[in-house]
Full PDB file with SEQRES, HELIX, SHEET, SSBOND, CRYST1, ORIGX, SCALE, CONECT and MASTER records, all heavy atoms in Angstrom:
SEQRES   1 A   31  LYS LEU PRO PRO ALA SER TRP GLN THR SER PHE GLY LEU          
SEQRES   2 A   31  GLY PHE ILE SER ALA VAL PHE ASP ASN ILE PRO LEU THR          
SEQRES   3 A   31  ALA LEU ALA LEU THR                                          
HELIX    1 AA1 TRP A    7  ILE A   16  1                                  10    
HELIX    2 AA2 ASN A   22  LEU A   30  1                                   9    
CRYST1    1.000    1.000    1.000  90.00  90.00  90.00 P 1           1          
ORIGX1      1.000000  0.000000  0.000000        0.00000                         
ORIGX2      0.000000  1.000000  0.000000        0.00000                         
ORIGX3      0.000000  0.000000  1.000000        0.00000                         
SCALE1      1.000000  0.000000  0.000000        0.00000                         
SCALE2      0.000000  1.000000  0.000000        0.00000                         
SCALE3      0.000000  0.000000  1.000000        0.00000                         
ATOM      1  N   LYS A   1      -6.260 -16.582  -8.626  1.00  0.00           N  
ATOM      2  CA  LYS A   1      -5.239 -17.014  -7.677  1.00  0.00           C  
ATOM      3  C   LYS A   1      -4.627 -15.853  -6.899  1.00  0.00           C  
ATOM      4  O   LYS A   1      -3.797 -16.054  -6.033  1.00  0.00           O  
ATOM      5  CB  LYS A   1      -4.109 -17.756  -8.402  1.00  0.00           C  
ATOM      6  CG  LYS A   1      -4.545 -18.999  -9.175  1.00  0.00           C  
ATOM      7  CD  LYS A   1      -5.089 -20.065  -8.242  1.00  0.00           C  
ATOM      8  CE  LYS A   1      -6.594 -20.163  -8.379  1.00  0.00           C  
ATOM      9  NZ  LYS A   1      -7.225 -20.905  -7.292  1.00  0.00           N  
ATOM     10  N   LEU A   2      -4.993 -14.599  -7.262  1.00  0.00           N  
ATOM     11  CA  LEU A   2      -4.428 -13.456  -6.557  1.00  0.00           C  
ATOM     12  C   LEU A   2      -5.027 -13.333  -5.158  1.00  0.00           C  
ATOM     13  O   LEU A   2      -6.161 -13.754  -4.914  1.00  0.00           O  
ATOM     14  CB  LEU A   2      -4.708 -12.161  -7.321  1.00  0.00           C  
ATOM     15  CG  LEU A   2      -3.979 -11.980  -8.651  1.00  0.00           C  
ATOM     16  CD1 LEU A   2      -4.436 -10.687  -9.312  1.00  0.00           C  
ATOM     17  CD2 LEU A   2      -2.479 -11.969  -8.462  1.00  0.00           C  
ATOM     18  N   PRO A   3      -4.275 -12.742  -4.215  1.00  0.00           N  
ATOM     19  CA  PRO A   3      -4.862 -12.472  -2.904  1.00  0.00           C  
ATOM     20  C   PRO A   3      -6.042 -11.524  -3.054  1.00  0.00           C  
ATOM     21  O   PRO A   3      -6.103 -10.745  -4.003  1.00  0.00           O  
ATOM     22  CB  PRO A   3      -3.716 -11.792  -2.137  1.00  0.00           C  
ATOM     23  CG  PRO A   3      -2.478 -12.191  -2.862  1.00  0.00           C  
ATOM     24  CD  PRO A   3      -2.871 -12.316  -4.293  1.00  0.00           C  
ATOM     25  N   PRO A   4      -7.003 -11.550  -2.131  1.00  0.00           N  
ATOM     26  CA  PRO A   4      -8.128 -10.625  -2.208  1.00  0.00           C  
ATOM     27  C   PRO A   4      -7.650  -9.179  -2.178  1.00  0.00           C  
ATOM     28  O   PRO A   4      -6.652  -8.850  -1.552  1.00  0.00           O  
ATOM     29  CB  PRO A   4      -8.949 -10.957  -0.955  1.00  0.00           C  
ATOM     30  CG  PRO A   4      -8.544 -12.353  -0.595  1.00  0.00           C  
ATOM     31  CD  PRO A   4      -7.104 -12.474  -0.987  1.00  0.00           C  
ATOM     32  N   ALA A   5      -8.377  -8.299  -2.871  1.00  0.00           N  
ATOM     33  CA  ALA A   5      -8.027  -6.881  -2.886  1.00  0.00           C  
ATOM     34  C   ALA A   5      -8.201  -6.296  -1.490  1.00  0.00           C  
ATOM     35  O   ALA A   5      -9.273  -6.378  -0.899  1.00  0.00           O  
ATOM     36  CB  ALA A   5      -8.917  -6.135  -3.884  1.00  0.00           C  
ATOM     37  N   SER A   6      -7.134  -5.716  -0.940  1.00  0.00           N  
ATOM     38  CA  SER A   6      -7.176  -5.119   0.386  1.00  0.00           C  
ATOM     39  C   SER A   6      -6.067  -4.089   0.473  1.00  0.00           C  
ATOM     40  O   SER A   6      -5.190  -4.010  -0.398  1.00  0.00           O  
ATOM     41  CB  SER A   6      -6.962  -6.189   1.472  1.00  0.00           C  
ATOM     42  OG  SER A   6      -5.641  -6.719   1.393  1.00  0.00           O  
ATOM     43  N   TRP A   7      -6.067  -3.295   1.544  1.00  0.00           N  
ATOM     44  CA  TRP A   7      -4.997  -2.306   1.680  1.00  0.00           C  
ATOM     45  C   TRP A   7      -3.673  -3.002   1.951  1.00  0.00           C  
ATOM     46  O   TRP A   7      -2.613  -2.515   1.553  1.00  0.00           O  
ATOM     47  CB  TRP A   7      -5.326  -1.278   2.760  1.00  0.00           C  
ATOM     48  CG  TRP A   7      -5.307  -1.771   4.196  1.00  0.00           C  
ATOM     49  CD1 TRP A   7      -6.367  -2.131   4.953  1.00  0.00           C  
ATOM     50  CD2 TRP A   7      -4.149  -1.918   5.035  1.00  0.00           C  
ATOM     51  NE1 TRP A   7      -5.962  -2.512   6.215  1.00  0.00           N  
ATOM     52  CE2 TRP A   7      -4.601  -2.383   6.300  1.00  0.00           C  
ATOM     53  CE3 TRP A   7      -2.787  -1.703   4.854  1.00  0.00           C  
ATOM     54  CZ2 TRP A   7      -3.724  -2.635   7.366  1.00  0.00           C  
ATOM     55  CZ3 TRP A   7      -1.915  -1.956   5.909  1.00  0.00           C  
ATOM     56  CH2 TRP A   7      -2.390  -2.411   7.145  1.00  0.00           C  
ATOM     57  N   GLN A   8      -3.724  -4.166   2.633  1.00  0.00           N  
ATOM     58  CA  GLN A   8      -2.485  -4.911   2.860  1.00  0.00           C  
ATOM     59  C   GLN A   8      -1.878  -5.384   1.535  1.00  0.00           C  
ATOM     60  O   GLN A   8      -0.667  -5.316   1.324  1.00  0.00           O  
ATOM     61  CB  GLN A   8      -2.749  -6.121   3.765  1.00  0.00           C  
ATOM     62  CG  GLN A   8      -3.167  -5.761   5.181  1.00  0.00           C  
ATOM     63  CD  GLN A   8      -4.666  -5.764   5.364  1.00  0.00           C  
ATOM     64  OE1 GLN A   8      -5.418  -5.496   4.421  1.00  0.00           O  
ATOM     65  NE2 GLN A   8      -5.112  -6.069   6.581  1.00  0.00           N  
ATOM     66  N   THR A   9      -2.748  -5.886   0.646  1.00  0.00           N  
ATOM     67  CA  THR A   9      -2.275  -6.321  -0.664  1.00  0.00           C  
ATOM     68  C   THR A   9      -1.673  -5.146  -1.437  1.00  0.00           C  
ATOM     69  O   THR A   9      -0.609  -5.258  -2.044  1.00  0.00           O  
ATOM     70  CB  THR A   9      -3.427  -6.941  -1.471  1.00  0.00           C  
ATOM     71  OG1 THR A   9      -3.983  -8.033  -0.743  1.00  0.00           O  
ATOM     72  CG2 THR A   9      -2.949  -7.424  -2.826  1.00  0.00           C  
ATOM     73  N   SER A  10      -2.373  -3.995  -1.408  1.00  0.00           N  
ATOM     74  CA  SER A  10      -1.876  -2.806  -2.111  1.00  0.00           C  
ATOM     75  C   SER A  10      -0.527  -2.364  -1.558  1.00  0.00           C  
ATOM     76  O   SER A  10       0.393  -2.028  -2.323  1.00  0.00           O  
ATOM     77  CB  SER A  10      -2.892  -1.664  -1.973  1.00  0.00           C  
ATOM     78  OG  SER A  10      -4.133  -2.019  -2.545  1.00  0.00           O  
ATOM     79  N   PHE A  11      -0.384  -2.383  -0.240  1.00  0.00           N  
ATOM     80  CA  PHE A  11       0.880  -1.997   0.392  1.00  0.00           C  
ATOM     81  C   PHE A  11       2.006  -2.917  -0.058  1.00  0.00           C  
ATOM     82  O   PHE A  11       3.101  -2.468  -0.398  1.00  0.00           O  
ATOM     83  CB  PHE A  11       0.712  -2.048   1.916  1.00  0.00           C  
ATOM     84  CG  PHE A  11       1.950  -1.663   2.686  1.00  0.00           C  
ATOM     85  CD1 PHE A  11       2.452  -0.376   2.613  1.00  0.00           C  
ATOM     86  CD2 PHE A  11       2.600  -2.592   3.488  1.00  0.00           C  
ATOM     87  CE1 PHE A  11       3.590  -0.007   3.332  1.00  0.00           C  
ATOM     88  CE2 PHE A  11       3.735  -2.244   4.210  1.00  0.00           C  
ATOM     89  CZ  PHE A  11       4.224  -0.941   4.124  1.00  0.00           C  
ATOM     90  N   GLY A  12       1.743  -4.211  -0.081  1.00  0.00           N  
ATOM     91  CA  GLY A  12       2.759  -5.158  -0.516  1.00  0.00           C  
ATOM     92  C   GLY A  12       3.108  -5.020  -1.982  1.00  0.00           C  
ATOM     93  O   GLY A  12       4.267  -5.164  -2.379  1.00  0.00           O  
ATOM     94  N   LEU A  13       2.109  -4.692  -2.825  1.00  0.00           N  
ATOM     95  CA  LEU A  13       2.374  -4.517  -4.247  1.00  0.00           C  
ATOM     96  C   LEU A  13       3.324  -3.354  -4.506  1.00  0.00           C  
ATOM     97  O   LEU A  13       4.046  -3.342  -5.504  1.00  0.00           O  
ATOM     98  CB  LEU A  13       1.063  -4.308  -5.010  1.00  0.00           C  
ATOM     99  CG  LEU A  13       0.175  -5.541  -5.189  1.00  0.00           C  
ATOM    100  CD1 LEU A  13      -1.127  -5.174  -5.888  1.00  0.00           C  
ATOM    101  CD2 LEU A  13       0.898  -6.627  -5.970  1.00  0.00           C  
ATOM    102  N   GLY A  14       3.332  -2.380  -3.598  1.00  0.00           N  
ATOM    103  CA  GLY A  14       4.279  -1.279  -3.740  1.00  0.00           C  
ATOM    104  C   GLY A  14       5.719  -1.761  -3.677  1.00  0.00           C  
ATOM    105  O   GLY A  14       6.573  -1.316  -4.453  1.00  0.00           O  
ATOM    106  N   PHE A  15       5.997  -2.688  -2.757  1.00  0.00           N  
ATOM    107  CA  PHE A  15       7.358  -3.242  -2.657  1.00  0.00           C  
ATOM    108  C   PHE A  15       7.669  -4.159  -3.836  1.00  0.00           C  
ATOM    109  O   PHE A  15       8.792  -4.176  -4.342  1.00  0.00           O  
ATOM    110  CB  PHE A  15       7.519  -3.992  -1.334  1.00  0.00           C  
ATOM    111  CG  PHE A  15       7.586  -3.091  -0.135  1.00  0.00           C  
ATOM    112  CD1 PHE A  15       6.459  -2.851   0.639  1.00  0.00           C  
ATOM    113  CD2 PHE A  15       8.766  -2.455   0.206  1.00  0.00           C  
ATOM    114  CE1 PHE A  15       6.519  -2.015   1.742  1.00  0.00           C  
ATOM    115  CE2 PHE A  15       8.839  -1.619   1.311  1.00  0.00           C  
ATOM    116  CZ  PHE A  15       7.712  -1.394   2.078  1.00  0.00           C  
ATOM    117  N   ILE A  16       6.659  -4.918  -4.279  1.00  0.00           N  
ATOM    118  CA  ILE A  16       6.873  -5.791  -5.432  1.00  0.00           C  
ATOM    119  C   ILE A  16       7.184  -4.963  -6.671  1.00  0.00           C  
ATOM    120  O   ILE A  16       8.018  -5.334  -7.501  1.00  0.00           O  
ATOM    121  CB  ILE A  16       5.645  -6.688  -5.669  1.00  0.00           C  
ATOM    122  CG1 ILE A  16       5.520  -7.712  -4.546  1.00  0.00           C  
ATOM    123  CG2 ILE A  16       5.749  -7.408  -7.009  1.00  0.00           C  
ATOM    124  CD1 ILE A  16       4.325  -8.634  -4.678  1.00  0.00           C  
ATOM    125  N   SER A  17       6.531  -3.803  -6.813  1.00  0.00           N  
ATOM    126  CA  SER A  17       6.742  -2.969  -7.997  1.00  0.00           C  
ATOM    127  C   SER A  17       8.151  -2.393  -8.050  1.00  0.00           C  
ATOM    128  O   SER A  17       8.589  -1.913  -9.103  1.00  0.00           O  
ATOM    129  CB  SER A  17       5.717  -1.826  -8.043  1.00  0.00           C  
ATOM    130  OG  SER A  17       5.970  -0.865  -7.034  1.00  0.00           O  
ATOM    131  N   ALA A  18       8.878  -2.422  -6.915  1.00  0.00           N  
ATOM    132  CA  ALA A  18      10.268  -1.977  -6.924  1.00  0.00           C  
ATOM    133  C   ALA A  18      11.182  -2.985  -7.608  1.00  0.00           C  
ATOM    134  O   ALA A  18      12.287  -2.640  -8.032  1.00  0.00           O  
ATOM    135  CB  ALA A  18      10.754  -1.728  -5.495  1.00  0.00           C  
ATOM    136  N   VAL A  19      10.722  -4.225  -7.715  1.00  0.00           N  
ATOM    137  CA  VAL A  19      11.523  -5.288  -8.321  1.00  0.00           C  
ATOM    138  C   VAL A  19      10.912  -5.738  -9.638  1.00  0.00           C  
ATOM    139  O   VAL A  19      11.613  -5.955 -10.626  1.00  0.00           O  
ATOM    140  CB  VAL A  19      11.644  -6.489  -7.359  1.00  0.00           C  
ATOM    141  CG1 VAL A  19      12.508  -7.576  -7.969  1.00  0.00           C  
ATOM    142  CG2 VAL A  19      12.207  -6.042  -6.015  1.00  0.00           C  
ATOM    143  N   PHE A  20       9.581  -5.888  -9.658  1.00  0.00           N  
ATOM    144  CA  PHE A  20       8.865  -6.282 -10.869  1.00  0.00           C  
ATOM    145  C   PHE A  20       8.148  -5.056 -11.414  1.00  0.00           C  
ATOM    146  O   PHE A  20       7.538  -4.294 -10.665  1.00  0.00           O  
ATOM    147  CB  PHE A  20       7.850  -7.382 -10.570  1.00  0.00           C  
ATOM    148  CG  PHE A  20       8.485  -8.684 -10.165  1.00  0.00           C  
ATOM    149  CD1 PHE A  20       7.806  -9.562  -9.355  1.00  0.00           C  
ATOM    150  CD2 PHE A  20       9.755  -9.018 -10.586  1.00  0.00           C  
ATOM    151  CE1 PHE A  20       8.371 -10.775  -8.983  1.00  0.00           C  
ATOM    152  CE2 PHE A  20      10.339 -10.221 -10.224  1.00  0.00           C  
ATOM    153  CZ  PHE A  20       9.647 -11.101  -9.417  1.00  0.00           C  
ATOM    154  N   ASP A  21       8.182  -4.890 -12.713  1.00  0.00           N  
ATOM    155  CA  ASP A  21       7.616  -3.708 -13.359  1.00  0.00           C  
ATOM    156  C   ASP A  21       6.168  -3.469 -12.932  1.00  0.00           C  
ATOM    157  O   ASP A  21       5.356  -4.390 -12.876  1.00  0.00           O  
ATOM    158  CB  ASP A  21       7.699  -3.875 -14.879  1.00  0.00           C  
ATOM    159  CG  ASP A  21       7.424  -2.579 -15.608  1.00  0.00           C  
ATOM    160  OD1 ASP A  21       6.235  -2.281 -15.819  1.00  0.00           O  
ATOM    161  OD2 ASP A  21       8.383  -1.871 -15.945  1.00  0.00           O  
ATOM    162  N   ASN A  22       5.833  -2.195 -12.658  1.00  0.00           N  
ATOM    163  CA  ASN A  22       4.495  -1.891 -12.160  1.00  0.00           C  
ATOM    164  C   ASN A  22       3.411  -1.954 -13.232  1.00  0.00           C  
ATOM    165  O   ASN A  22       2.228  -1.999 -12.921  1.00  0.00           O  
ATOM    166  CB  ASN A  22       4.464  -0.526 -11.466  1.00  0.00           C  
ATOM    167  CG  ASN A  22       4.926   0.616 -12.350  1.00  0.00           C  
ATOM    168  OD1 ASN A  22       5.188   0.439 -13.544  1.00  0.00           O  
ATOM    169  ND2 ASN A  22       5.028   1.794 -11.784  1.00  0.00           N  
ATOM    170  N   ILE A  23       3.810  -1.964 -14.515  1.00  0.00           N  
ATOM    171  CA  ILE A  23       2.819  -2.049 -15.583  1.00  0.00           C  
ATOM    172  C   ILE A  23       2.043  -3.371 -15.516  1.00  0.00           C  
ATOM    173  O   ILE A  23       0.807  -3.372 -15.454  1.00  0.00           O  
ATOM    174  CB  ILE A  23       3.485  -1.889 -16.964  1.00  0.00           C  
ATOM    175  CG1 ILE A  23       4.226  -0.549 -17.065  1.00  0.00           C  
ATOM    176  CG2 ILE A  23       2.465  -2.035 -18.073  1.00  0.00           C  
ATOM    177  CD1 ILE A  23       3.336   0.651 -17.038  1.00  0.00           C  
ATOM    178  N   PRO A  24       2.719  -4.525 -15.524  1.00  0.00           N  
ATOM    179  CA  PRO A  24       1.956  -5.777 -15.449  1.00  0.00           C  
ATOM    180  C   PRO A  24       1.245  -5.965 -14.119  1.00  0.00           C  
ATOM    181  O   PRO A  24       0.177  -6.582 -14.064  1.00  0.00           O  
ATOM    182  CB  PRO A  24       3.013  -6.857 -15.669  1.00  0.00           C  
ATOM    183  CG  PRO A  24       4.321  -6.216 -15.354  1.00  0.00           C  
ATOM    184  CD  PRO A  24       4.162  -4.782 -15.750  1.00  0.00           C  
ATOM    185  N   LEU A  25       1.800  -5.426 -13.022  1.00  0.00           N  
ATOM    186  CA  LEU A  25       1.110  -5.531 -11.737  1.00  0.00           C  
ATOM    187  C   LEU A  25      -0.224  -4.792 -11.794  1.00  0.00           C  
ATOM    188  O   LEU A  25      -1.240  -5.259 -11.278  1.00  0.00           O  
ATOM    189  CB  LEU A  25       1.990  -4.945 -10.622  1.00  0.00           C  
ATOM    190  CG  LEU A  25       3.225  -5.754 -10.224  1.00  0.00           C  
ATOM    191  CD1 LEU A  25       4.017  -5.004  -9.155  1.00  0.00           C  
ATOM    192  CD2 LEU A  25       2.842  -7.131  -9.721  1.00  0.00           C  
ATOM    193  N   THR A  26      -0.216  -3.617 -12.426  1.00  0.00           N  
ATOM    194  CA  THR A  26      -1.456  -2.853 -12.576  1.00  0.00           C  
ATOM    195  C   THR A  26      -2.445  -3.596 -13.457  1.00  0.00           C  
ATOM    196  O   THR A  26      -3.649  -3.621 -13.174  1.00  0.00           O  
ATOM    197  CB  THR A  26      -1.152  -1.470 -13.175  1.00  0.00           C  
ATOM    198  OG1 THR A  26      -0.209  -0.783 -12.344  1.00  0.00           O  
ATOM    199  CG2 THR A  26      -2.419  -0.635 -13.287  1.00  0.00           C  
ATOM    200  N   ALA A  27      -1.936  -4.210 -14.522  1.00  0.00           N  
ATOM    201  CA  ALA A  27      -2.813  -4.980 -15.406  1.00  0.00           C  
ATOM    202  C   ALA A  27      -3.485  -6.123 -14.651  1.00  0.00           C  
ATOM    203  O   ALA A  27      -4.684  -6.386 -14.832  1.00  0.00           O  
ATOM    204  CB  ALA A  27      -2.014  -5.516 -16.594  1.00  0.00           C  
ATOM    205  N   LEU A  28      -2.737  -6.806 -13.787  1.00  0.00           N  
ATOM    206  CA  LEU A  28      -3.314  -7.884 -12.983  1.00  0.00           C  
ATOM    207  C   LEU A  28      -4.391  -7.351 -12.044  1.00  0.00           C  
ATOM    208  O   LEU A  28      -5.473  -7.939 -11.905  1.00  0.00           O  
ATOM    209  CB  LEU A  28      -2.218  -8.581 -12.181  1.00  0.00           C  
ATOM    210  CG  LEU A  28      -1.261  -9.496 -12.939  1.00  0.00           C  
ATOM    211  CD1 LEU A  28      -0.154  -9.979 -12.012  1.00  0.00           C  
ATOM    212  CD2 LEU A  28      -2.005 -10.682 -13.535  1.00  0.00           C  
ATOM    213  N   ALA A  29      -4.097  -6.222 -11.381  1.00  0.00           N  
ATOM    214  CA  ALA A  29      -5.053  -5.655 -10.431  1.00  0.00           C  
ATOM    215  C   ALA A  29      -6.328  -5.204 -11.134  1.00  0.00           C  
ATOM    216  O   ALA A  29      -7.435  -5.366 -10.608  1.00  0.00           O  
ATOM    217  CB  ALA A  29      -4.407  -4.484  -9.689  1.00  0.00           C  
ATOM    218  N   LEU A  30      -6.189  -4.638 -12.330  1.00  0.00           N  
ATOM    219  CA  LEU A  30      -7.363  -4.193 -13.077  1.00  0.00           C  
ATOM    220  C   LEU A  30      -8.230  -5.376 -13.492  1.00  0.00           C  
ATOM    221  O   LEU A  30      -9.459  -5.295 -13.467  1.00  0.00           O  
ATOM    222  CB  LEU A  30      -6.925  -3.402 -14.308  1.00  0.00           C  
ATOM    223  CG  LEU A  30      -6.422  -1.981 -14.049  1.00  0.00           C  
ATOM    224  CD1 LEU A  30      -5.768  -1.404 -15.292  1.00  0.00           C  
ATOM    225  CD2 LEU A  30      -7.575  -1.085 -13.586  1.00  0.00           C  
ATOM    226  N   THR A  31      -7.593  -6.455 -13.877  1.00  0.00           N  
ATOM    227  CA  THR A  31      -8.346  -7.641 -14.267  1.00  0.00           C  
ATOM    228  C   THR A  31      -9.087  -8.222 -13.069  1.00  0.00           C  
ATOM    229  O   THR A  31     -10.230  -8.668 -13.171  1.00  0.00           O  
ATOM    230  CB  THR A  31      -7.403  -8.702 -14.861  1.00  0.00           C  
ATOM    231  OG1 THR A  31      -6.688  -8.120 -15.956  1.00  0.00           O  
ATOM    232  CG2 THR A  31      -8.185  -9.902 -15.363  1.00  0.00           C  
TER     233      THR A  31                                                      
MASTER        0    0    0    2    0    0    0    6  232    1    0    3          
END                                                                             
């Protein structure tokens, strides 16, 4: 259900990591 991996997605994840912990975000991206 995640958006396709792209630089836009990565850029947005940077802002999300300011509010939601970056550990689980990284785990999702790795999966």
